[in-house]
Amino acid sequence: MNRVKRALAALMSLCCAGAARADDVADFYRGKTITFYIGYEPGGAYDLYARMIGKHLGKHVPGNPSIVHSNMPGASTMVLGNNLASLAPRDGTAIGAVNSALIFDPLFNGANSRARFRGPEMSALGNAVSAAAVLFSWKSSGVTKFEDLRTKPLVIGAMTKTGDTYVLPAAVKKIIGLDGLRIVTGYPGTREVVMALERGEVQGRVWDMEGIRSVRPQWLTDGSINLLAQMAPERMPEVPASVPLAKDFIPDEADRRALDVIFLPTMMARPYIAPPGLPPDRLAALRKAFMATFADPDFLADMQKAQAGVQPMSGEDMEKRIAAAYALPEATIRRIREIVAE
């Protein structure tokens, strides 16, 4: 009987401790504001997703804090990533929407990375969608299928050399030897690359399918673009089955494995992170709030109106995938760095 009483007392103690922690989180956030930073200019898919999430996130965080959005563009979200790592408060009141490749930049570039953090150090909160990036060409480019790139030139637009719009096509270009594929960087964000395409300044780009659907859905039905290849580790259901994987054109198995890792950011196409070292109870609460938002009927209705999909990944799952990538054998990491190096 005494043992039963002790077990019940221990269980009640744990429940009370859990409730106390929840109350502590609610007490902290009550009356406060979370700043939701977005690493791009307004108008693109990253901005759309972050603002839609922020509209509903506060009601799922204990204490119901206000959410305000702040755009902090620069270097394919490297400016924001470094700000979160070094300057932002580490108390759960600063979160950010970053480029999927940013988290892996120190892994891909080693000592040449401008990141002031390693991917596993950042607090992974959740990911809104896993979407295949595709390389596509504009209708007037003369390039209608991937094989054309072996003999025909194609100029594609990108933001900076740290983002997926550059890293993914640059890796494929280097492995296969596509000398005619030229990547022009320097565009501030999605909107500017879209405008460059439409006025004929560039002839293609790498973009994820959700980005196309949310910003220029007509391109997928009116013949404006040709989908050349999936830049993903595996075939994704949102891409037409006729579009090949880029790695299908690479015979060397070691290079195919390296490319799978380079393409890993496409599995986290809309990642949300916070500074390192968040209090564990607040990190857990934010992760839970993101997943609750992704399942919120009002949020899903808003995303449906915007023609934007949701395929969430938890912060815990993000954390595991990031840690696994950074723990790869040194030989694999060396080959990855050789591929992405200038």
C-alpha atoms as a PDB file:
ATOM      1  CA  MET A   1       0.000   0.000   0.000  1.00  0.00           C
ATOM      2  CA  ASN A   2       2.838   2.373   0.874  1.00  0.00           C
ATOM      3  CA  ARG A   3       4.412   1.646  -2.507  1.00  0.00           C
ATOM      4  CA  VAL A   4       1.149   2.510  -4.271  1.00  0.00           C
ATOM      5  CA  LYS A   5       0.876   5.753  -2.299  1.00  0.00           C
ATOM      6  CA  ARG A   6       4.457   6.663  -3.184  1.00  0.00           C
ATOM      7  CA  ALA A   7       3.828   5.937  -6.876  1.00  0.00           C
ATOM      8  CA  LEU A   8       0.667   8.050  -6.856  1.00  0.00           C
ATOM      9  CA  ALA A   9       2.500  10.854  -5.089  1.00  0.00           C
ATOM     10  CA  ALA A  10       5.304  10.727  -7.640  1.00  0.00           C
ATOM     11  CA  LEU A  11       2.795  10.795 -10.509  1.00  0.00           C
ATOM     12  CA  MET A  12       0.993  13.768  -8.987  1.00  0.00           C
ATOM     13  CA  SER A  13       4.325  15.513  -8.514  1.00  0.00           C
ATOM     14  CA  LEU A  14       5.181  15.027 -12.188  1.00  0.00           C
ATOM     15  CA  CYS A  15       1.767  16.284 -13.295  1.00  0.00           C
ATOM     16  CA  CYS A  16       2.057  19.316 -11.060  1.00  0.00           C
ATOM     17  CA  ALA A  17       5.563  20.008 -12.350  1.00  0.00           C
ATOM     18  CA  GLY A  18       4.286  19.776 -15.944  1.00  0.00           C
ATOM     19  CA  ALA A  19       1.418  22.121 -15.172  1.00  0.00           C
ATOM     20  CA  ALA A  20       3.801  24.504 -13.423  1.00  0.00           C
ATOM     21  CA  ARG A  21       6.076  24.554 -16.463  1.00  0.00           C
ATOM     22  CA  ALA A  22       3.104  25.260 -18.743  1.00  0.00           C
ATOM     23  CA  ASP A  23       2.025  28.046 -16.402  1.00  0.00           C
ATOM     24  CA  ASP A  24       5.564  29.460 -16.412  1.00  0.00           C
ATOM     25  CA  VAL A  25       5.547  29.603 -20.231  1.00  0.00           C
ATOM     26  CA  ALA A  26       2.119  31.231 -20.279  1.00  0.00           C
ATOM     27  CA  ASP A  27       3.179  33.753 -17.622  1.00  0.00           C
ATOM     28  CA  PHE A  28       6.265  34.634 -19.685  1.00  0.00           C
ATOM     29  CA  TYR A  29       4.438  35.154 -22.978  1.00  0.00           C
ATOM     30  CA  ARG A  30       1.325  36.859 -21.599  1.00  0.00           C
ATOM     31  CA  GLY A  31       1.328  40.478 -22.814  1.00  0.00           C
ATOM     32  CA  LYS A  32       4.522  40.003 -24.832  1.00  0.00           C
ATOM     33  CA  THR A  33       5.202  40.192 -28.573  1.00  0.00           C
ATOM     34  CA  ILE A  34       7.024  37.605 -30.687  1.00  0.00           C
ATOM     35  CA  THR A  35       8.862  39.135 -33.640  1.00  0.00           C
ATOM     36  CA  PHE A  36       8.613  36.826 -36.656  1.00  0.00           C
ATOM     37  CA  TYR A  37      11.512  37.789 -38.915  1.00  0.00           C
ATOM     38  CA  ILE A  38      11.392  36.970 -42.635  1.00  0.00           C
ATOM     39  CA  GLY A  39      14.683  36.732 -44.486  1.00  0.00           C
ATOM     40  CA  TYR A  40      13.336  38.084 -47.785  1.00  0.00           C
ATOM     41  CA  GLU A  41      11.597  41.142 -49.125  1.00  0.00           C
ATOM     42  CA  PRO A  42       7.776  41.112 -49.076  1.00  0.00           C
ATOM     43  CA  GLY A  43       5.958  39.466 -51.959  1.00  0.00           C
ATOM     44  CA  GLY A  44       7.519  36.030 -52.289  1.00  0.00           C
ATOM     45  CA  ALA A  45       6.498  32.589 -51.097  1.00  0.00           C
ATOM     46  CA  TYR A  46       8.677  32.684 -47.954  1.00  0.00           C
ATOM     47  CA  ASP A  47       6.961  35.940 -46.985  1.00  0.00           C
ATOM     48  CA  LEU A  48       3.491  34.579 -47.750  1.00  0.00           C
ATOM     49  CA  TYR A  49       3.976  31.442 -45.653  1.00  0.00           C
ATOM     50  CA  ALA A  50       5.464  33.314 -42.685  1.00  0.00           C
ATOM     51  CA  ARG A  51       2.668  35.880 -42.613  1.00  0.00           C
ATOM     52  CA  MET A  52      -0.034  33.225 -42.894  1.00  0.00           C
ATOM     53  CA  ILE A  53       1.536  31.232 -40.051  1.00  0.00           C
ATOM     54  CA  GLY A  54       2.040  34.322 -37.902  1.00  0.00           C
ATOM     55  CA  LYS A  55      -1.612  35.274 -38.325  1.00  0.00           C
ATOM     56  CA  HIS A  56      -2.628  32.126 -36.382  1.00  0.00           C
ATOM     57  CA  LEU A  57       0.447  31.185 -34.327  1.00  0.00           C
ATOM     58  CA  GLY A  58      -0.184  33.409 -31.307  1.00  0.00           C
ATOM     59  CA  LYS A  59      -3.379  31.654 -30.256  1.00  0.00           C
ATOM     60  CA  HIS A  60      -1.467  28.363 -29.972  1.00  0.00           C
ATOM     61  CA  VAL A  61       1.385  29.724 -27.822  1.00  0.00           C
ATOM     62  CA  PRO A  62       0.669  29.661 -24.069  1.00  0.00           C
ATOM     63  CA  GLY A  63      -0.144  33.168 -22.900  1.00  0.00           C
ATOM     64  CA  ASN A  64      -1.287  34.158 -26.425  1.00  0.00           C
ATOM     65  CA  PRO A  65       1.447  36.670 -27.298  1.00  0.00           C
ATOM     66  CA  SER A  66       1.063  39.053 -30.226  1.00  0.00           C
ATOM     67  CA  ILE A  67       2.957  38.211 -33.420  1.00  0.00           C
ATOM     68  CA  VAL A  68       4.515  40.958 -35.518  1.00  0.00           C
ATOM     69  CA  HIS A  69       6.358  40.420 -38.795  1.00  0.00           C
ATOM     70  CA  SER A  70       9.595  42.108 -39.783  1.00  0.00           C
ATOM     71  CA  ASN A  71      11.394  41.579 -43.104  1.00  0.00           C
ATOM     72  CA  MET A  72      15.182  41.308 -42.770  1.00  0.00           C
ATOM     73  CA  PRO A  73      16.442  40.485 -46.279  1.00  0.00           C
ATOM     74  CA  GLY A  74      20.020  39.891 -47.324  1.00  0.00           C
ATOM     75  CA  ALA A  75      22.328  37.187 -48.696  1.00  0.00           C
ATOM     76  CA  SER A  76      19.608  34.551 -49.096  1.00  0.00           C
ATOM     77  CA  THR A  77      18.672  34.915 -45.404  1.00  0.00           C
ATOM     78  CA  MET A  78      22.279  34.749 -44.139  1.00  0.00           C
ATOM     79  CA  VAL A  79      21.784  38.226 -42.650  1.00  0.00           C
ATOM     80  CA  LEU A  80      18.781  36.981 -40.692  1.00  0.00           C
ATOM     81  CA  GLY A  81      20.449  33.707 -39.713  1.00  0.00           C
ATOM     82  CA  ASN A  82      23.483  35.495 -38.277  1.00  0.00           C
ATOM     83  CA  ASN A  83      21.245  37.985 -36.496  1.00  0.00           C
ATOM     84  CA  LEU A  84      19.278  35.178 -34.851  1.00  0.00           C
ATOM     85  CA  ALA A  85      22.510  33.410 -33.903  1.00  0.00           C
ATOM     86  CA  SER A  86      24.361  36.402 -32.474  1.00  0.00           C
ATOM     87  CA  LEU A  87      22.100  39.360 -31.723  1.00  0.00           C
ATOM     88  CA  ALA A  88      18.470  38.329 -31.215  1.00  0.00           C
ATOM     89  CA  PRO A  89      17.155  37.611 -27.718  1.00  0.00           C
ATOM     90  CA  ARG A  90      17.367  33.967 -26.702  1.00  0.00           C
ATOM     91  CA  ASP A  91      14.165  33.998 -24.705  1.00  0.00           C
ATOM     92  CA  GLY A  92      11.629  32.819 -27.312  1.00  0.00           C
ATOM     93  CA  THR A  93      10.520  36.249 -28.521  1.00  0.00           C
ATOM     94  CA  ALA A  94      12.455  36.134 -31.816  1.00  0.00           C
ATOM     95  CA  ILE A  95      11.830  33.543 -34.540  1.00  0.00           C
ATOM     96  CA  GLY A  96      12.685  33.495 -38.217  1.00  0.00           C
ATOM     97  CA  ALA A  97      11.769  32.218 -41.669  1.00  0.00           C
ATOM     98  CA  VAL A  98      15.014  31.309 -43.444  1.00  0.00           C
ATOM     99  CA  ASN A  99      16.119  29.749 -46.701  1.00  0.00           C
ATOM    100  CA  SER A 100      16.236  25.977 -46.455  1.00  0.00           C
ATOM    101  CA  ALA A 101      19.885  25.875 -47.586  1.00  0.00           C
ATOM    102  CA  LEU A 102      20.991  28.308 -44.873  1.00  0.00           C
ATOM    103  CA  ILE A 103      20.922  25.700 -42.102  1.00  0.00           C
ATOM    104  CA  PHE A 104      23.329  23.535 -44.111  1.00  0.00           C
ATOM    105  CA  ASP A 105      25.642  26.315 -45.326  1.00  0.00           C
ATOM    106  CA  PRO A 106      28.386  25.659 -42.722  1.00  0.00           C
ATOM    107  CA  LEU A 107      28.290  21.963 -43.649  1.00  0.00           C
ATOM    108  CA  PHE A 108      28.470  22.649 -47.390  1.00  0.00           C
ATOM    109  CA  ASN A 109      31.066  25.431 -47.292  1.00  0.00           C
ATOM    110  CA  GLY A 110      33.178  24.721 -44.233  1.00  0.00           C
ATOM    111  CA  ALA A 111      35.652  27.506 -43.456  1.00  0.00           C
ATOM    112  CA  ASN A 112      34.313  29.517 -46.405  1.00  0.00           C
ATOM    113  CA  SER A 113      30.852  29.812 -44.883  1.00  0.00           C
ATOM    114  CA  ARG A 114      29.851  33.263 -43.664  1.00  0.00           C
ATOM    115  CA  ALA A 115      27.521  31.743 -41.099  1.00  0.00           C
ATOM    116  CA  ARG A 116      28.227  32.527 -37.467  1.00  0.00           C
ATOM    117  CA  PHE A 117      26.554  29.292 -36.414  1.00  0.00           C
ATOM    118  CA  ARG A 118      26.368  25.575 -37.163  1.00  0.00           C
ATOM    119  CA  GLY A 119      23.029  24.149 -38.215  1.00  0.00           C
ATOM    120  CA  PRO A 120      22.502  21.935 -35.153  1.00  0.00           C
ATOM    121  CA  GLU A 121      23.048  24.925 -32.832  1.00  0.00           C
ATOM    122  CA  MET A 122      19.931  26.743 -34.016  1.00  0.00           C
ATOM    123  CA  SER A 123      16.550  25.989 -32.443  1.00  0.00           C
ATOM    124  CA  ALA A 124      14.440  24.154 -35.034  1.00  0.00           C
ATOM    125  CA  LEU A 125      10.760  25.049 -34.601  1.00  0.00           C
ATOM    126  CA  GLY A 126       9.013  23.375 -37.540  1.00  0.00           C
ATOM    127  CA  ASN A 127       8.756  23.237 -41.295  1.00  0.00           C
ATOM    128  CA  ALA A 128       5.635  24.042 -43.301  1.00  0.00           C
ATOM    129  CA  VAL A 129       6.210  22.070 -46.462  1.00  0.00           C
ATOM    130  CA  SER A 130       8.496  19.518 -48.087  1.00  0.00           C
ATOM    131  CA  ALA A 131       8.501  20.504 -51.721  1.00  0.00           C
ATOM    132  CA  ALA A 132      10.642  19.434 -54.602  1.00  0.00           C
ATOM    133  CA  ALA A 133      12.715  22.183 -56.111  1.00  0.00           C
ATOM    134  CA  VAL A 134      12.629  22.078 -59.891  1.00  0.00           C
ATOM    135  CA  LEU A 135      14.890  23.540 -62.523  1.00  0.00           C
ATOM    136  CA  PHE A 136      12.768  25.114 -65.213  1.00  0.00           C
ATOM    137  CA  SER A 137      13.308  27.092 -68.391  1.00  0.00           C
ATOM    138  CA  TRP A 138      11.254  29.908 -69.891  1.00  0.00           C
ATOM    139  CA  LYS A 139       9.149  29.072 -72.944  1.00  0.00           C
ATOM    140  CA  SER A 140      11.325  31.112 -75.355  1.00  0.00           C
ATOM    141  CA  SER A 141      14.677  29.764 -74.131  1.00  0.00           C
ATOM    142  CA  GLY A 142      14.966  26.940 -76.654  1.00  0.00           C
ATOM    143  CA  VAL A 143      15.610  24.494 -73.784  1.00  0.00           C
ATOM    144  CA  THR A 144      12.646  22.162 -73.393  1.00  0.00           C
ATOM    145  CA  LYS A 145      14.205  19.148 -71.645  1.00  0.00           C
ATOM    146  CA  PHE A 146      17.154  18.505 -69.342  1.00  0.00           C
ATOM    147  CA  GLU A 147      19.215  16.804 -72.052  1.00  0.00           C
ATOM    148  CA  ASP A 148      19.205  20.088 -74.022  1.00  0.00           C
ATOM    149  CA  LEU A 149      21.507  21.587 -71.379  1.00  0.00           C
ATOM    150  CA  ARG A 150      24.382  19.483 -72.722  1.00  0.00           C
ATOM    151  CA  THR A 151      24.351  21.427 -75.991  1.00  0.00           C
ATOM    152  CA  LYS A 152      22.326  24.622 -75.431  1.00  0.00           C
ATOM    153  CA  PRO A 153      22.965  27.601 -73.127  1.00  0.00           C
ATOM    154  CA  LEU A 154      20.574  28.622 -70.373  1.00  0.00           C
ATOM    155  CA  VAL A 155      20.894  31.670 -68.111  1.00  0.00           C
ATOM    156  CA  ILE A 156      19.088  31.250 -64.790  1.00  0.00           C
ATOM    157  CA  GLY A 157      18.486  33.779 -62.018  1.00  0.00           C
ATOM    158  CA  ALA A 158      19.348  33.333 -58.343  1.00  0.00           C
ATOM    159  CA  MET A 159      19.632  35.405 -55.202  1.00  0.00           C
ATOM    160  CA  THR A 160      23.070  34.769 -53.686  1.00  0.00           C
ATOM    161  CA  LYS A 161      25.556  31.927 -53.587  1.00  0.00           C
ATOM    162  CA  THR A 162      24.379  30.808 -50.149  1.00  0.00           C
ATOM    163  CA  GLY A 163      20.780  30.018 -51.118  1.00  0.00           C
ATOM    164  CA  ASP A 164      19.190  26.978 -52.714  1.00  0.00           C
ATOM    165  CA  THR A 165      18.465  28.879 -55.948  1.00  0.00           C
ATOM    166  CA  TYR A 166      22.229  28.874 -56.535  1.00  0.00           C
ATOM    167  CA  VAL A 167      23.586  25.910 -54.578  1.00  0.00           C
ATOM    168  CA  LEU A 168      21.345  23.272 -56.195  1.00  0.00           C
ATOM    169  CA  PRO A 169      21.896  24.139 -59.875  1.00  0.00           C
ATOM    170  CA  ALA A 170      25.595  24.892 -59.286  1.00  0.00           C
ATOM    171  CA  ALA A 171      26.100  21.391 -57.865  1.00  0.00           C
ATOM    172  CA  VAL A 172      24.389  19.747 -60.838  1.00  0.00           C
ATOM    173  CA  LYS A 173      26.329  21.927 -63.279  1.00  0.00           C
ATOM    174  CA  LYS A 174      29.650  20.959 -61.719  1.00  0.00           C
ATOM    175  CA  ILE A 175      29.016  17.219 -61.470  1.00  0.00           C
ATOM    176  CA  ILE A 176      27.626  16.805 -64.989  1.00  0.00           C
ATOM    177  CA  GLY A 177      29.732  19.492 -66.658  1.00  0.00           C
ATOM    178  CA  LEU A 178      26.945  21.694 -68.025  1.00  0.00           C
ATOM    179  CA  ASP A 179      29.140  24.531 -69.262  1.00  0.00           C
ATOM    180  CA  GLY A 180      26.213  26.317 -70.920  1.00  0.00           C
ATOM    181  CA  LEU A 181      24.272  26.647 -67.681  1.00  0.00           C
ATOM    182  CA  ARG A 182      25.023  30.141 -66.352  1.00  0.00           C
ATOM    183  CA  ILE A 183      23.762  31.303 -62.976  1.00  0.00           C
ATOM    184  CA  VAL A 184      23.291  35.037 -62.456  1.00  0.00           C
ATOM    185  CA  THR A 185      23.142  36.093 -58.807  1.00  0.00           C
ATOM    186  CA  GLY A 186      22.312  39.374 -57.113  1.00  0.00           C
ATOM    187  CA  TYR A 187      18.513  39.407 -57.147  1.00  0.00           C
ATOM    188  CA  PRO A 188      17.111  40.519 -53.756  1.00  0.00           C
ATOM    189  CA  GLY A 189      14.284  37.989 -53.719  1.00  0.00           C
ATOM    190  CA  THR A 190      11.684  35.909 -55.523  1.00  0.00           C
ATOM    191  CA  ARG A 191       9.764  38.886 -56.876  1.00  0.00           C
ATOM    192  CA  GLU A 192      12.821  40.286 -58.651  1.00  0.00           C
ATOM    193  CA  VAL A 193      13.740  36.943 -60.239  1.00  0.00           C
ATOM    194  CA  VAL A 194      10.142  36.520 -61.430  1.00  0.00           C
ATOM    195  CA  MET A 195      10.232  39.982 -63.007  1.00  0.00           C
ATOM    196  CA  ALA A 196      13.592  39.213 -64.635  1.00  0.00           C
ATOM    197  CA  LEU A 197      12.095  36.068 -66.172  1.00  0.00           C
ATOM    198  CA  GLU A 198       9.038  37.852 -67.478  1.00  0.00           C
ATOM    199  CA  ARG A 199      11.050  40.631 -69.114  1.00  0.00           C
ATOM    200  CA  GLY A 200      13.552  38.210 -70.665  1.00  0.00           C
ATOM    201  CA  GLU A 201      16.559  39.127 -68.552  1.00  0.00           C
ATOM    202  CA  VAL A 202      17.074  35.476 -67.544  1.00  0.00           C
ATOM    203  CA  GLN A 203      15.692  32.244 -69.005  1.00  0.00           C
ATOM    204  CA  GLY A 204      14.998  30.056 -65.987  1.00  0.00           C
ATOM    205  CA  ARG A 205      15.572  29.408 -62.316  1.00  0.00           C
ATOM    206  CA  VAL A 206      15.350  26.811 -59.563  1.00  0.00           C
ATOM    207  CA  TRP A 207      12.163  27.172 -57.503  1.00  0.00           C
ATOM    208  CA  ASP A 208      10.105  24.849 -55.368  1.00  0.00           C
ATOM    209  CA  MET A 209       6.701  23.775 -56.646  1.00  0.00           C
ATOM    210  CA  GLU A 210       4.856  25.406 -53.746  1.00  0.00           C
ATOM    211  CA  GLY A 211       6.552  28.690 -54.556  1.00  0.00           C
ATOM    212  CA  ILE A 212       5.435  28.503 -58.172  1.00  0.00           C
ATOM    213  CA  ARG A 213       1.882  27.589 -57.185  1.00  0.00           C
ATOM    214  CA  SER A 214       1.567  30.397 -54.656  1.00  0.00           C
ATOM    215  CA  VAL A 215       3.176  33.190 -56.713  1.00  0.00           C
ATOM    216  CA  ARG A 216       2.725  32.269 -60.419  1.00  0.00           C
ATOM    217  CA  PRO A 217       0.342  29.276 -60.622  1.00  0.00           C
ATOM    218  CA  GLN A 218      -0.560  30.110 -64.233  1.00  0.00           C
ATOM    219  CA  TRP A 219       2.962  29.218 -65.340  1.00  0.00           C
ATOM    220  CA  LEU A 220       2.141  25.551 -64.720  1.00  0.00           C
ATOM    221  CA  THR A 221      -0.857  25.599 -67.069  1.00  0.00           C
ATOM    222  CA  ASP A 222      -0.246  28.227 -69.751  1.00  0.00           C
ATOM    223  CA  GLY A 223       3.014  26.878 -71.204  1.00  0.00           C
ATOM    224  CA  SER A 224       5.212  29.662 -69.787  1.00  0.00           C
ATOM    225  CA  ILE A 225       7.788  27.239 -68.369  1.00  0.00           C
ATOM    226  CA  ASN A 226       9.317  23.846 -69.085  1.00  0.00           C
ATOM    227  CA  LEU A 227      10.034  21.672 -66.026  1.00  0.00           C
ATOM    228  CA  LEU A 228      13.466  20.203 -66.727  1.00  0.00           C
ATOM    229  CA  ALA A 229      14.436  18.249 -63.602  1.00  0.00           C
ATOM    230  CA  GLN A 230      13.589  17.661 -59.955  1.00  0.00           C
ATOM    231  CA  MET A 231      16.311  18.877 -57.607  1.00  0.00           C
ATOM    232  CA  ALA A 232      15.388  16.473 -54.836  1.00  0.00           C
ATOM    233  CA  PRO A 233      16.720  13.251 -53.272  1.00  0.00           C
ATOM    234  CA  GLU A 234      13.616  11.364 -54.381  1.00  0.00           C
ATOM    235  CA  ARG A 235      10.606  11.836 -56.624  1.00  0.00           C
ATOM    236  CA  MET A 236       8.038  14.114 -55.081  1.00  0.00           C
ATOM    237  CA  PRO A 237       4.284  13.662 -55.620  1.00  0.00           C
ATOM    238  CA  GLU A 238       3.635  17.319 -56.483  1.00  0.00           C
ATOM    239  CA  VAL A 239       5.897  17.144 -59.557  1.00  0.00           C
ATOM    240  CA  PRO A 240       4.611  15.512 -62.769  1.00  0.00           C
ATOM    241  CA  ALA A 241       5.940  11.976 -63.091  1.00  0.00           C
ATOM    242  CA  SER A 242       7.448  12.806 -66.487  1.00  0.00           C
ATOM    243  CA  VAL A 243       9.968  15.214 -64.893  1.00  0.00           C
ATOM    244  CA  PRO A 244      13.205  13.291 -64.195  1.00  0.00           C
ATOM    245  CA  LEU A 245      15.396  13.551 -61.118  1.00  0.00           C
ATOM    246  CA  ALA A 246      18.573  15.495 -61.813  1.00  0.00           C
ATOM    247  CA  LYS A 247      20.616  12.745 -60.187  1.00  0.00           C
ATOM    248  CA  ASP A 248      19.316  10.260 -62.782  1.00  0.00           C
ATOM    249  CA  PHE A 249      21.804  11.840 -65.185  1.00  0.00           C
ATOM    250  CA  ILE A 250      24.787  11.163 -62.875  1.00  0.00           C
ATOM    251  CA  PRO A 251      26.426   7.729 -63.247  1.00  0.00           C
ATOM    252  CA  ASP A 252      28.821   7.875 -60.270  1.00  0.00           C
ATOM    253  CA  GLU A 253      27.182   6.496 -57.123  1.00  0.00           C
ATOM    254  CA  ALA A 254      29.348   8.545 -54.718  1.00  0.00           C
ATOM    255  CA  ASP A 255      28.354  11.737 -56.521  1.00  0.00           C
ATOM    256  CA  ARG A 256      24.708  10.702 -56.423  1.00  0.00           C
ATOM    257  CA  ARG A 257      24.943  10.205 -52.627  1.00  0.00           C
ATOM    258  CA  ALA A 258      26.637  13.586 -52.215  1.00  0.00           C
ATOM    259  CA  LEU A 259      23.958  15.229 -54.331  1.00  0.00           C
ATOM    260  CA  ASP A 260      21.255  13.652 -52.161  1.00  0.00           C
ATOM    261  CA  VAL A 261      22.728  15.507 -49.184  1.00  0.00           C
ATOM    262  CA  ILE A 262      22.993  18.768 -51.139  1.00  0.00           C
ATOM    263  CA  PHE A 263      19.334  18.352 -52.098  1.00  0.00           C
ATOM    264  CA  LEU A 264      18.313  17.659 -48.483  1.00  0.00           C
ATOM    265  CA  PRO A 265      17.167  21.284 -47.921  1.00  0.00           C
ATOM    266  CA  THR A 266      14.318  20.668 -50.368  1.00  0.00           C
ATOM    267  CA  MET A 267      12.776  18.367 -47.756  1.00  0.00           C
ATOM    268  CA  MET A 268      12.585  21.441 -45.511  1.00  0.00           C
ATOM    269  CA  ALA A 269      11.355  23.998 -48.015  1.00  0.00           C
ATOM    270  CA  ARG A 270       9.860  26.419 -45.439  1.00  0.00           C
ATOM    271  CA  PRO A 271      11.872  26.047 -42.211  1.00  0.00           C
ATOM    272  CA  TYR A 272      11.380  28.171 -39.100  1.00  0.00           C
ATOM    273  CA  ILE A 273      14.119  28.582 -36.522  1.00  0.00           C
ATOM    274  CA  ALA A 274      14.981  30.528 -33.392  1.00  0.00           C
ATOM    275  CA  PRO A 275      18.273  31.462 -31.731  1.00  0.00           C
ATOM    276  CA  PRO A 276      20.394  28.846 -29.968  1.00  0.00           C
ATOM    277  CA  GLY A 277      19.890  28.156 -26.299  1.00  0.00           C
ATOM    278  CA  LEU A 278      16.173  28.794 -25.873  1.00  0.00           C
ATOM    279  CA  PRO A 279      14.780  27.738 -22.482  1.00  0.00           C
ATOM    280  CA  PRO A 280      13.657  24.124 -23.050  1.00  0.00           C
ATOM    281  CA  ASP A 281      10.061  24.697 -21.928  1.00  0.00           C
ATOM    282  CA  ARG A 282       9.622  27.649 -24.317  1.00  0.00           C
ATOM    283  CA  LEU A 283      11.243  25.754 -27.178  1.00  0.00           C
ATOM    284  CA  ALA A 284       8.840  22.858 -26.580  1.00  0.00           C
ATOM    285  CA  ALA A 285       5.893  25.275 -26.451  1.00  0.00           C
ATOM    286  CA  LEU A 286       6.884  26.985 -29.712  1.00  0.00           C
ATOM    287  CA  ARG A 287       7.333  23.643 -31.463  1.00  0.00           C
ATOM    288  CA  LYS A 288       3.929  22.514 -30.270  1.00  0.00           C
ATOM    289  CA  ALA A 289       2.412  25.831 -31.366  1.00  0.00           C
ATOM    290  CA  PHE A 290       3.818  25.503 -34.885  1.00  0.00           C
ATOM    291  CA  MET A 291       2.397  22.005 -35.299  1.00  0.00           C
ATOM    292  CA  ALA A 292      -0.959  23.152 -33.907  1.00  0.00           C
ATOM    293  CA  THR A 293      -0.960  26.047 -36.375  1.00  0.00           C
ATOM    294  CA  PHE A 294      -0.224  23.705 -39.280  1.00  0.00           C
ATOM    295  CA  ALA A 295      -3.357  21.734 -38.317  1.00  0.00           C
ATOM    296  CA  ASP A 296      -5.522  24.794 -37.586  1.00  0.00           C
ATOM    297  CA  PRO A 297      -8.623  24.760 -39.876  1.00  0.00           C
ATOM    298  CA  ASP A 298      -8.554  28.561 -40.226  1.00  0.00           C
ATOM    299  CA  PHE A 299      -4.901  28.518 -41.239  1.00  0.00           C
ATOM    300  CA  LEU A 300      -5.493  25.689 -43.708  1.00  0.00           C
ATOM    301  CA  ALA A 301      -8.412  27.584 -45.225  1.00  0.00           C
ATOM    302  CA  ASP A 302      -6.198  30.639 -45.696  1.00  0.00           C
ATOM    303  CA  MET A 303      -3.497  28.517 -47.333  1.00  0.00           C
ATOM    304  CA  GLN A 304      -6.045  26.899 -49.644  1.00  0.00           C
ATOM    305  CA  LYS A 305      -7.197  30.330 -50.802  1.00  0.00           C
ATOM    306  CA  ALA A 306      -3.563  31.213 -51.495  1.00  0.00           C
ATOM    307  CA  GLN A 307      -3.102  27.935 -53.411  1.00  0.00           C
ATOM    308  CA  ALA A 308      -0.240  27.067 -51.067  1.00  0.00           C
ATOM    309  CA  GLY A 309       0.233  23.550 -49.739  1.00  0.00           C
ATOM    310  CA  VAL A 310       1.093  22.402 -46.231  1.00  0.00           C
ATOM    311  CA  GLN A 311       3.108  19.254 -45.492  1.00  0.00           C
ATOM    312  CA  PRO A 312       4.492  19.889 -42.015  1.00  0.00           C
ATOM    313  CA  MET A 313       7.566  18.531 -40.293  1.00  0.00           C
ATOM    314  CA  SER A 314       8.019  18.922 -36.548  1.00  0.00           C
ATOM    315  CA  GLY A 315      10.885  20.808 -34.988  1.00  0.00           C
ATOM    316  CA  GLU A 316      12.067  17.584 -33.393  1.00  0.00           C
ATOM    317  CA  ASP A 317      12.212  15.859 -36.794  1.00  0.00           C
ATOM    318  CA  MET A 318      14.029  18.850 -38.293  1.00  0.00           C
ATOM    319  CA  GLU A 319      16.568  18.697 -35.492  1.00  0.00           C
ATOM    320  CA  LYS A 320      17.247  14.994 -36.127  1.00  0.00           C
ATOM    321  CA  ARG A 321      17.715  15.456 -39.889  1.00  0.00           C
ATOM    322  CA  ILE A 322      20.056  18.408 -39.433  1.00  0.00           C
ATOM    323  CA  ALA A 323      22.127  16.571 -36.840  1.00  0.00           C
ATOM    324  CA  ALA A 324      22.367  13.474 -39.080  1.00  0.00           C
ATOM    325  CA  ALA A 325      23.656  15.542 -42.004  1.00  0.00           C
ATOM    326  CA  TYR A 326      26.355  17.191 -39.900  1.00  0.00           C
ATOM    327  CA  ALA A 327      27.373  13.743 -38.575  1.00  0.00           C
ATOM    328  CA  LEU A 328      28.100  12.294 -42.053  1.00  0.00           C
ATOM    329  CA  PRO A 329      31.497  10.638 -42.637  1.00  0.00           C
ATOM    330  CA  GLU A 330      34.301  13.098 -43.308  1.00  0.00           C
ATOM    331  CA  ALA A 331      34.891  11.681 -46.795  1.00  0.00           C
ATOM    332  CA  THR A 332      31.294  12.410 -47.783  1.00  0.00           C
ATOM    333  CA  ILE A 333      31.502  15.937 -46.373  1.00  0.00           C
ATOM    334  CA  ARG A 334      34.741  16.550 -48.294  1.00  0.00           C
ATOM    335  CA  ARG A 335      33.092  15.484 -51.552  1.00  0.00           C
ATOM    336  CA  ILE A 336      30.083  17.713 -50.868  1.00  0.00           C
ATOM    337  CA  ARG A 337      32.401  20.674 -50.315  1.00  0.00           C
ATOM    338  CA  GLU A 338      34.310  19.900 -53.504  1.00  0.00           C
ATOM    339  CA  ILE A 339      31.043  19.933 -55.454  1.00  0.00           C
ATOM    340  CA  VAL A 340      29.722  23.208 -54.041  1.00  0.00           C
ATOM    341  CA  ALA A 341      33.107  24.985 -54.099  1.00  0.00           C
ATOM    342  CA  GLU A 342      33.726  27.620 -56.748  1.00  0.00           C
END
